[in-house]
Amino acid sequence: MHMRDPVKLAGDLGPRSFVIAQVLFAGMLASSLLHPLLLATFCFGLVQLLLTASSGPVHSALLIVDVINITCGYLSFLLLGWQTLAKNQRRGFWKIVALTPIYWAMMSYAGWRAVLQLWKRPFHWEKTPHRQVLAAAMPPASGG
């Protein structure tokens, strides 16, 4: 929505904040879409490491990069969430920590689903209510 008028957005934010907003947005999209690839290479590298006593330097380096990316991604997500919670809401934070991998998998699923829908049905938006739904949900007008 913000990019409907990028010139106006750049004027409102200023050039530095505009570039930062673009980088953050692109990073959110990339992290969501690339998460399955990251997990797949991590699992492949881990299985290869467990099945063979030694793996090649490329596989070891890729496994290290995967571990660092997953750890930093999850930790930054959790730390940001921790900071936004009030002290009385932090008691159940362990549930968020435990469910973070599932959350990221669901985010990735939603991201890939959106990409496929954009490709197959570019003008469809599931969240747009149809007139029949709105008319059925509205109470009848009083005749007074």
N, C-alpha and C. Protein backbone atom coordinates (compact mmCIF):
# COMPACT_ATOMS: atom_id res chain seq x y z
N MET A 1 0.82 -1.18 0.00
CA MET A 1 0.00 0.00 0.00
C MET A 1 0.87 1.26 0.00
N HIS A 2 1.96 1.24 0.76
CA HIS A 2 2.81 2.42 0.84
C HIS A 2 3.47 2.73 -0.50
N MET A 3 3.67 1.71 -1.31
CA MET A 3 4.37 1.93 -2.58
C MET A 3 3.43 2.28 -3.73
N ARG A 4 2.18 2.58 -3.44
CA ARG A 4 1.28 3.03 -4.50
C ARG A 4 1.77 4.34 -5.10
N ASP A 5 2.36 5.17 -4.25
CA ASP A 5 2.92 6.43 -4.71
C ASP A 5 4.31 6.58 -4.09
N PRO A 6 5.33 5.94 -4.70
CA PRO A 6 6.67 5.95 -4.11
C PRO A 6 7.28 7.34 -3.99
N VAL A 7 6.96 8.22 -4.91
CA VAL A 7 7.51 9.58 -4.86
C VAL A 7 6.97 10.31 -3.62
N LYS A 8 5.67 10.16 -3.37
CA LYS A 8 5.08 10.78 -2.19
C LYS A 8 5.66 10.17 -0.91
N LEU A 9 5.80 8.83 -0.89
CA LEU A 9 6.38 8.18 0.28
C LEU A 9 7.80 8.66 0.53
N ALA A 10 8.60 8.77 -0.52
CA ALA A 10 9.97 9.25 -0.38
C ALA A 10 9.98 10.69 0.14
N GLY A 11 9.04 11.50 -0.33
CA GLY A 11 8.95 12.87 0.17
C GLY A 11 8.53 12.92 1.63
N ASP A 12 7.60 12.05 2.02
CA ASP A 12 7.14 12.01 3.41
C ASP A 12 8.23 11.51 4.36
N LEU A 13 8.95 10.46 3.93
CA LEU A 13 9.95 9.84 4.81
C LEU A 13 11.32 10.50 4.73
N GLY A 14 11.65 11.04 3.59
CA GLY A 14 13.02 11.50 3.35
C GLY A 14 13.79 10.38 2.68
N PRO A 15 14.86 10.71 1.97
CA PRO A 15 15.56 9.69 1.19
C PRO A 15 16.17 8.56 2.03
N ARG A 16 16.75 8.89 3.16
CA ARG A 16 17.39 7.87 4.00
C ARG A 16 16.36 6.89 4.56
N SER A 17 15.29 7.40 5.13
CA SER A 17 14.25 6.53 5.69
C SER A 17 13.53 5.75 4.60
N PHE A 18 13.39 6.33 3.42
CA PHE A 18 12.77 5.63 2.30
C PHE A 18 13.59 4.41 1.91
N VAL A 19 14.91 4.59 1.80
CA VAL A 19 15.79 3.46 1.44
C VAL A 19 15.75 2.40 2.54
N ILE A 20 15.78 2.82 3.79
CA ILE A 20 15.71 1.86 4.90
C ILE A 20 14.41 1.08 4.86
N ALA A 21 13.30 1.75 4.58
CA ALA A 21 12.00 1.08 4.49
C ALA A 21 12.01 0.04 3.36
N GLN A 22 12.63 0.39 2.23
CA GLN A 22 12.70 -0.55 1.10
C GLN A 22 13.55 -1.77 1.45
N VAL A 23 14.67 -1.55 2.12
CA VAL A 23 15.54 -2.66 2.51
C VAL A 23 14.83 -3.56 3.53
N LEU A 24 14.14 -2.97 4.50
CA LEU A 24 13.41 -3.76 5.48
C LEU A 24 12.30 -4.58 4.83
N PHE A 25 11.56 -3.96 3.93
CA PHE A 25 10.48 -4.66 3.24
C PHE A 25 11.03 -5.81 2.41
N ALA A 26 12.08 -5.55 1.65
CA ALA A 26 12.68 -6.60 0.83
C ALA A 26 13.25 -7.72 1.71
N GLY A 27 13.83 -7.35 2.85
CA GLY A 27 14.36 -8.35 3.77
C GLY A 27 13.28 -9.23 4.35
N MET A 28 12.13 -8.64 4.68
CA MET A 28 11.01 -9.44 5.21
C MET A 28 10.51 -10.42 4.15
N LEU A 29 10.38 -9.95 2.92
CA LEU A 29 9.94 -10.85 1.86
C LEU A 29 10.96 -11.96 1.61
N ALA A 30 12.22 -11.58 1.51
CA ALA A 30 13.26 -12.58 1.23
C ALA A 30 13.36 -13.60 2.35
N SER A 31 13.30 -13.15 3.61
CA SER A 31 13.42 -14.11 4.71
C SER A 31 12.25 -15.07 4.74
N SER A 32 11.07 -14.58 4.42
CA SER A 32 9.90 -15.45 4.38
C SER A 32 9.99 -16.47 3.25
N LEU A 33 10.38 -16.02 2.07
CA LEU A 33 10.40 -16.91 0.91
C LEU A 33 11.60 -17.86 0.93
N LEU A 34 12.71 -17.44 1.50
CA LEU A 34 13.91 -18.28 1.49
C LEU A 34 14.02 -19.20 2.71
N HIS A 35 13.13 -19.07 3.66
CA HIS A 35 13.19 -19.89 4.88
C HIS A 35 13.16 -21.39 4.60
N PRO A 36 12.30 -21.89 3.69
CA PRO A 36 12.33 -23.33 3.42
C PRO A 36 13.66 -23.80 2.83
N LEU A 37 14.25 -22.99 1.95
CA LEU A 37 15.54 -23.35 1.38
C LEU A 37 16.61 -23.40 2.47
N LEU A 38 16.57 -22.45 3.37
CA LEU A 38 17.52 -22.41 4.48
C LEU A 38 17.37 -23.66 5.36
N LEU A 39 16.14 -24.02 5.69
CA LEU A 39 15.92 -25.22 6.51
C LEU A 39 16.31 -26.49 5.76
N ALA A 40 16.03 -26.54 4.47
CA ALA A 40 16.39 -27.72 3.68
C ALA A 40 17.90 -27.90 3.62
N THR A 41 18.63 -26.83 3.36
CA THR A 41 20.10 -26.97 3.31
C THR A 41 20.66 -27.30 4.68
N PHE A 42 20.05 -26.76 5.75
CA PHE A 42 20.48 -27.10 7.10
C PHE A 42 20.27 -28.59 7.38
N CYS A 43 19.07 -29.09 7.06
CA CYS A 43 18.78 -30.51 7.29
C CYS A 43 19.68 -31.41 6.45
N PHE A 44 19.87 -31.04 5.19
CA PHE A 44 20.74 -31.82 4.31
C PHE A 44 22.17 -31.85 4.86
N GLY A 45 22.68 -30.69 5.26
CA GLY A 45 24.03 -30.63 5.82
C GLY A 45 24.17 -31.40 7.12
N LEU A 46 23.16 -31.33 7.95
CA LEU A 46 23.19 -32.05 9.23
C LEU A 46 23.15 -33.56 9.01
N VAL A 47 22.28 -34.02 8.11
CA VAL A 47 22.20 -35.45 7.81
C VAL A 47 23.51 -35.93 7.21
N GLN A 48 24.07 -35.15 6.32
CA GLN A 48 25.34 -35.53 5.69
C GLN A 48 26.45 -35.59 6.74
N LEU A 49 26.45 -34.66 7.67
CA LEU A 49 27.46 -34.64 8.72
C LEU A 49 27.30 -35.85 9.64
N LEU A 50 26.07 -36.24 9.94
CA LEU A 50 25.82 -37.38 10.81
C LEU A 50 26.11 -38.71 10.14
N LEU A 51 25.87 -38.81 8.84
CA LEU A 51 26.07 -40.07 8.13
C LEU A 51 27.52 -40.31 7.74
N THR A 52 28.26 -39.26 7.51
CA THR A 52 29.68 -39.39 7.16
C THR A 52 30.51 -38.71 8.23
N ALA A 53 31.66 -39.28 8.49
CA ALA A 53 32.52 -38.73 9.55
C ALA A 53 32.98 -37.32 9.20
N SER A 54 33.24 -37.08 7.94
CA SER A 54 33.68 -35.74 7.54
C SER A 54 32.97 -35.33 6.26
N SER A 55 32.66 -34.09 6.17
CA SER A 55 32.06 -33.58 4.95
C SER A 55 33.04 -32.58 4.35
N GLY A 56 32.81 -32.25 3.10
CA GLY A 56 33.70 -31.33 2.42
C GLY A 56 33.62 -29.93 3.00
N PRO A 57 34.60 -29.09 2.69
CA PRO A 57 34.61 -27.73 3.24
C PRO A 57 33.41 -26.90 2.79
N VAL A 58 32.91 -27.15 1.59
CA VAL A 58 31.76 -26.40 1.11
C VAL A 58 30.53 -26.73 1.94
N HIS A 59 30.32 -28.03 2.20
CA HIS A 59 29.16 -28.44 2.99
C HIS A 59 29.27 -27.96 4.44
N SER A 60 30.45 -28.00 4.99
CA SER A 60 30.65 -27.51 6.36
C SER A 60 30.39 -26.01 6.45
N ALA A 61 30.89 -25.26 5.48
CA ALA A 61 30.69 -23.82 5.47
C ALA A 61 29.21 -23.49 5.30
N LEU A 62 28.52 -24.23 4.43
CA LEU A 62 27.10 -23.99 4.22
C LEU A 62 26.30 -24.30 5.48
N LEU A 63 26.68 -25.36 6.18
CA LEU A 63 26.00 -25.69 7.43
C LEU A 63 26.21 -24.61 8.48
N ILE A 64 27.42 -24.09 8.56
CA ILE A 64 27.71 -23.01 9.52
C ILE A 64 26.90 -21.75 9.17
N VAL A 65 26.85 -21.41 7.89
CA VAL A 65 26.07 -20.24 7.46
C VAL A 65 24.60 -20.45 7.79
N ASP A 66 24.08 -21.65 7.56
CA ASP A 66 22.68 -21.94 7.88
C ASP A 66 22.41 -21.80 9.37
N VAL A 67 23.27 -22.35 10.19
CA VAL A 67 23.09 -22.27 11.65
C VAL A 67 23.12 -20.81 12.10
N ILE A 68 24.05 -20.03 11.59
CA ILE A 68 24.14 -18.61 11.96
C ILE A 68 22.89 -17.85 11.51
N ASN A 69 22.44 -18.11 10.27
CA ASN A 69 21.26 -17.41 9.76
C ASN A 69 20.01 -17.77 10.55
N ILE A 70 19.80 -19.05 10.80
CA ILE A 70 18.61 -19.47 11.55
C ILE A 70 18.66 -18.91 12.96
N THR A 71 19.80 -19.01 13.61
CA THR A 71 19.94 -18.51 14.98
C THR A 71 19.72 -17.00 15.05
N CYS A 72 20.39 -16.27 14.19
CA CYS A 72 20.24 -14.80 14.21
C CYS A 72 18.82 -14.37 13.82
N GLY A 73 18.23 -15.04 12.85
CA GLY A 73 16.87 -14.70 12.44
C GLY A 73 15.86 -14.94 13.56
N TYR A 74 15.92 -16.11 14.16
CA TYR A 74 15.00 -16.42 15.25
C TYR A 74 15.26 -15.52 16.46
N LEU A 75 16.53 -15.31 16.80
CA LEU A 75 16.83 -14.47 17.96
C LEU A 75 16.39 -13.03 17.77
N SER A 76 16.62 -12.47 16.59
CA SER A 76 16.18 -11.08 16.37
C SER A 76 14.67 -10.99 16.44
N PHE A 77 13.97 -11.97 15.90
CA PHE A 77 12.51 -12.01 15.97
C PHE A 77 12.06 -12.09 17.43
N LEU A 78 12.69 -12.97 18.21
CA LEU A 78 12.29 -13.15 19.60
C LEU A 78 12.66 -11.94 20.47
N LEU A 79 13.83 -11.36 20.24
CA LEU A 79 14.22 -10.19 21.03
C LEU A 79 13.32 -8.99 20.76
N LEU A 80 12.94 -8.81 19.51
CA LEU A 80 12.02 -7.73 19.18
C LEU A 80 10.67 -7.97 19.85
N GLY A 81 10.20 -9.21 19.81
CA GLY A 81 8.95 -9.54 20.48
C GLY A 81 9.03 -9.35 21.98
N TRP A 82 10.15 -9.75 22.59
CA TRP A 82 10.34 -9.60 24.03
C TRP A 82 10.29 -8.14 24.44
N GLN A 83 10.93 -7.28 23.66
CA GLN A 83 10.98 -5.86 23.99
C GLN A 83 9.62 -5.18 23.87
N THR A 84 8.75 -5.69 23.02
CA THR A 84 7.45 -5.05 22.84
C THR A 84 6.41 -5.51 23.86
N LEU A 85 6.72 -6.58 24.59
CA LEU A 85 5.77 -7.08 25.59
C LEU A 85 5.87 -6.30 26.89
N ALA A 86 4.74 -6.10 27.52
CA ALA A 86 4.74 -5.52 28.87
C ALA A 86 5.25 -6.58 29.84
N LYS A 87 5.76 -6.16 30.99
CA LYS A 87 6.35 -7.11 31.94
C LYS A 87 5.38 -8.20 32.36
N ASN A 88 4.10 -7.88 32.50
CA ASN A 88 3.15 -8.90 32.92
C ASN A 88 2.81 -9.89 31.80
N GLN A 89 3.18 -9.58 30.57
CA GLN A 89 2.92 -10.48 29.45
C GLN A 89 4.10 -11.39 29.15
N ARG A 90 5.23 -11.17 29.78
CA ARG A 90 6.44 -11.93 29.47
C ARG A 90 6.47 -13.31 30.12
N ARG A 91 5.56 -13.58 31.02
CA ARG A 91 5.58 -14.85 31.75
C ARG A 91 5.43 -16.04 30.81
N GLY A 92 4.59 -15.96 29.82
CA GLY A 92 4.36 -17.07 28.89
C GLY A 92 5.20 -17.01 27.64
N PHE A 93 6.30 -16.27 27.68
CA PHE A 93 7.12 -16.07 26.48
C PHE A 93 7.75 -17.37 25.98
N TRP A 94 7.93 -18.33 26.86
CA TRP A 94 8.52 -19.61 26.44
C TRP A 94 7.67 -20.28 25.37
N LYS A 95 6.36 -20.02 25.38
CA LYS A 95 5.48 -20.59 24.35
C LYS A 95 5.82 -20.00 22.98
N ILE A 96 6.10 -18.71 22.97
CA ILE A 96 6.48 -18.05 21.71
C ILE A 96 7.80 -18.61 21.21
N VAL A 97 8.74 -18.81 22.12
CA VAL A 97 10.04 -19.37 21.74
C VAL A 97 9.85 -20.77 21.15
N ALA A 98 9.03 -21.58 21.80
CA ALA A 98 8.82 -22.96 21.34
C ALA A 98 8.11 -23.01 19.99
N LEU A 99 7.24 -22.07 19.74
CA LEU A 99 6.45 -22.09 18.51
C LEU A 99 7.04 -21.27 17.36
N THR A 100 8.18 -20.63 17.59
CA THR A 100 8.79 -19.79 16.56
C THR A 100 9.08 -20.54 15.26
N PRO A 101 9.65 -21.74 15.28
CA PRO A 101 9.86 -22.43 13.99
C PRO A 101 8.56 -22.70 13.23
N ILE A 102 7.49 -23.02 13.95
CA ILE A 102 6.20 -23.26 13.30
C ILE A 102 5.67 -21.95 12.72
N TYR A 103 5.83 -20.87 13.47
CA TYR A 103 5.39 -19.56 12.99
C TYR A 103 6.10 -19.19 11.69
N TRP A 104 7.42 -19.39 11.66
CA TRP A 104 8.18 -19.06 10.46
C TRP A 104 7.78 -19.95 9.29
N ALA A 105 7.50 -21.21 9.56
CA ALA A 105 7.05 -22.11 8.49
C ALA A 105 5.70 -21.64 7.94
N MET A 106 4.80 -21.20 8.82
CA MET A 106 3.50 -20.70 8.38
C MET A 106 3.65 -19.40 7.60
N MET A 107 4.57 -18.54 8.05
CA MET A 107 4.83 -17.29 7.32
C MET A 107 5.34 -17.58 5.91
N SER A 108 6.23 -18.55 5.82
CA SER A 108 6.78 -18.92 4.53
C SER A 108 5.70 -19.50 3.63
N TYR A 109 4.86 -20.35 4.18
CA TYR A 109 3.75 -20.91 3.41
C TYR A 109 2.87 -19.78 2.87
N ALA A 110 2.53 -18.83 3.73
CA ALA A 110 1.69 -17.70 3.31
C ALA A 110 2.39 -16.87 2.24
N GLY A 111 3.69 -16.66 2.39
CA GLY A 111 4.44 -15.89 1.40
C GLY A 111 4.45 -16.57 0.04
N TRP A 112 4.72 -17.87 0.02
CA TRP A 112 4.74 -18.60 -1.25
C TRP A 112 3.34 -18.70 -1.85
N ARG A 113 2.34 -18.82 -1.00
CA ARG A 113 0.96 -18.85 -1.49
C ARG A 113 0.61 -17.51 -2.15
N ALA A 114 1.05 -16.42 -1.53
CA ALA A 114 0.79 -15.09 -2.09
C ALA A 114 1.50 -14.92 -3.43
N VAL A 115 2.74 -15.40 -3.53
CA VAL A 115 3.47 -15.30 -4.79
C VAL A 115 2.76 -16.09 -5.89
N LEU A 116 2.32 -17.30 -5.57
CA LEU A 116 1.61 -18.11 -6.57
C LEU A 116 0.28 -17.48 -6.97
N GLN A 117 -0.42 -16.92 -6.00
CA GLN A 117 -1.68 -16.25 -6.33
C GLN A 117 -1.44 -15.00 -7.17
N LEU A 118 -0.39 -14.27 -6.87
CA LEU A 118 -0.06 -13.08 -7.66
C LEU A 118 0.26 -13.47 -9.09
N TRP A 119 0.90 -14.62 -9.26
CA TRP A 119 1.26 -15.09 -10.59
C TRP A 119 0.04 -15.62 -11.34
N LYS A 120 -0.77 -16.45 -10.67
CA LYS A 120 -1.91 -17.08 -11.34
C LYS A 120 -3.14 -16.18 -11.42
N ARG A 121 -3.39 -15.41 -10.36
CA ARG A 121 -4.58 -14.56 -10.30
C ARG A 121 -4.18 -13.18 -9.80
N PRO A 122 -3.54 -12.38 -10.64
CA PRO A 122 -2.95 -11.12 -10.18
C PRO A 122 -3.94 -10.08 -9.65
N PHE A 123 -5.20 -10.18 -10.02
CA PHE A 123 -6.15 -9.17 -9.57
C PHE A 123 -7.08 -9.68 -8.48
N HIS A 124 -6.79 -10.85 -7.94
CA HIS A 124 -7.61 -11.44 -6.87
C HIS A 124 -7.01 -11.08 -5.52
N TRP A 125 -7.85 -10.71 -4.60
CA TRP A 125 -7.39 -10.43 -3.25
C TRP A 125 -8.40 -11.05 -2.30
N GLU A 126 -8.00 -12.05 -1.56
CA GLU A 126 -8.92 -12.81 -0.72
C GLU A 126 -9.54 -11.99 0.40
N LYS A 127 -8.89 -10.95 0.83
CA LYS A 127 -9.39 -10.19 1.96
C LYS A 127 -10.42 -9.12 1.58
N THR A 128 -10.64 -8.95 0.30
CA THR A 128 -11.61 -7.96 -0.13
C THR A 128 -13.01 -8.53 0.03
N PRO A 129 -13.85 -7.93 0.87
CA PRO A 129 -15.22 -8.45 1.01
C PRO A 129 -16.04 -8.14 -0.24
N HIS A 130 -16.93 -9.05 -0.57
CA HIS A 130 -17.81 -8.85 -1.72
C HIS A 130 -19.08 -8.14 -1.27
N ARG A 131 -19.73 -7.49 -2.19
CA ARG A 131 -20.92 -6.71 -1.85
C ARG A 131 -22.01 -7.58 -1.23
N GLN A 132 -22.21 -8.80 -1.70
CA GLN A 132 -23.25 -9.66 -1.15
C GLN A 132 -22.97 -9.95 0.32
N VAL A 133 -21.73 -10.15 0.66
CA VAL A 133 -21.36 -10.42 2.05
C VAL A 133 -21.64 -9.20 2.90
N LEU A 134 -21.27 -8.02 2.42
CA LEU A 134 -21.52 -6.80 3.18
C LEU A 134 -23.01 -6.55 3.33
N ALA A 135 -23.78 -6.78 2.28
CA ALA A 135 -25.22 -6.53 2.36
C ALA A 135 -25.88 -7.51 3.33
N ALA A 136 -25.44 -8.76 3.34
CA ALA A 136 -26.02 -9.75 4.24
C ALA A 136 -25.64 -9.47 5.69
N ALA A 137 -24.49 -8.87 5.92
CA ALA A 137 -24.02 -8.62 7.27
C ALA A 137 -24.64 -7.35 7.88
N MET A 138 -25.14 -6.47 7.02
CA MET A 138 -25.68 -5.19 7.52
C MET A 138 -27.13 -5.37 7.99
N PRO A 139 -27.50 -4.70 9.08
CA PRO A 139 -28.89 -4.80 9.53
C PRO A 139 -29.80 -4.08 8.55
N PRO A 140 -31.07 -4.51 8.47
CA PRO A 140 -31.98 -3.84 7.53
C PRO A 140 -32.22 -2.40 7.94
N ALA A 141 -32.38 -1.55 6.94
CA ALA A 141 -32.61 -0.12 7.20
C ALA A 141 -34.02 0.07 7.76
N SER A 142 -34.12 0.99 8.70
CA SER A 142 -35.46 1.26 9.26
C SER A 142 -36.25 2.11 8.26
N GLY A 143 -37.52 1.89 8.17
CA GLY A 143 -38.34 2.58 7.19
C GLY A 143 -38.97 3.83 7.75
N GLY A 144 -38.33 4.52 8.65
CA GLY A 144 -38.97 5.62 9.34
C GLY A 144 -38.59 6.90 8.87
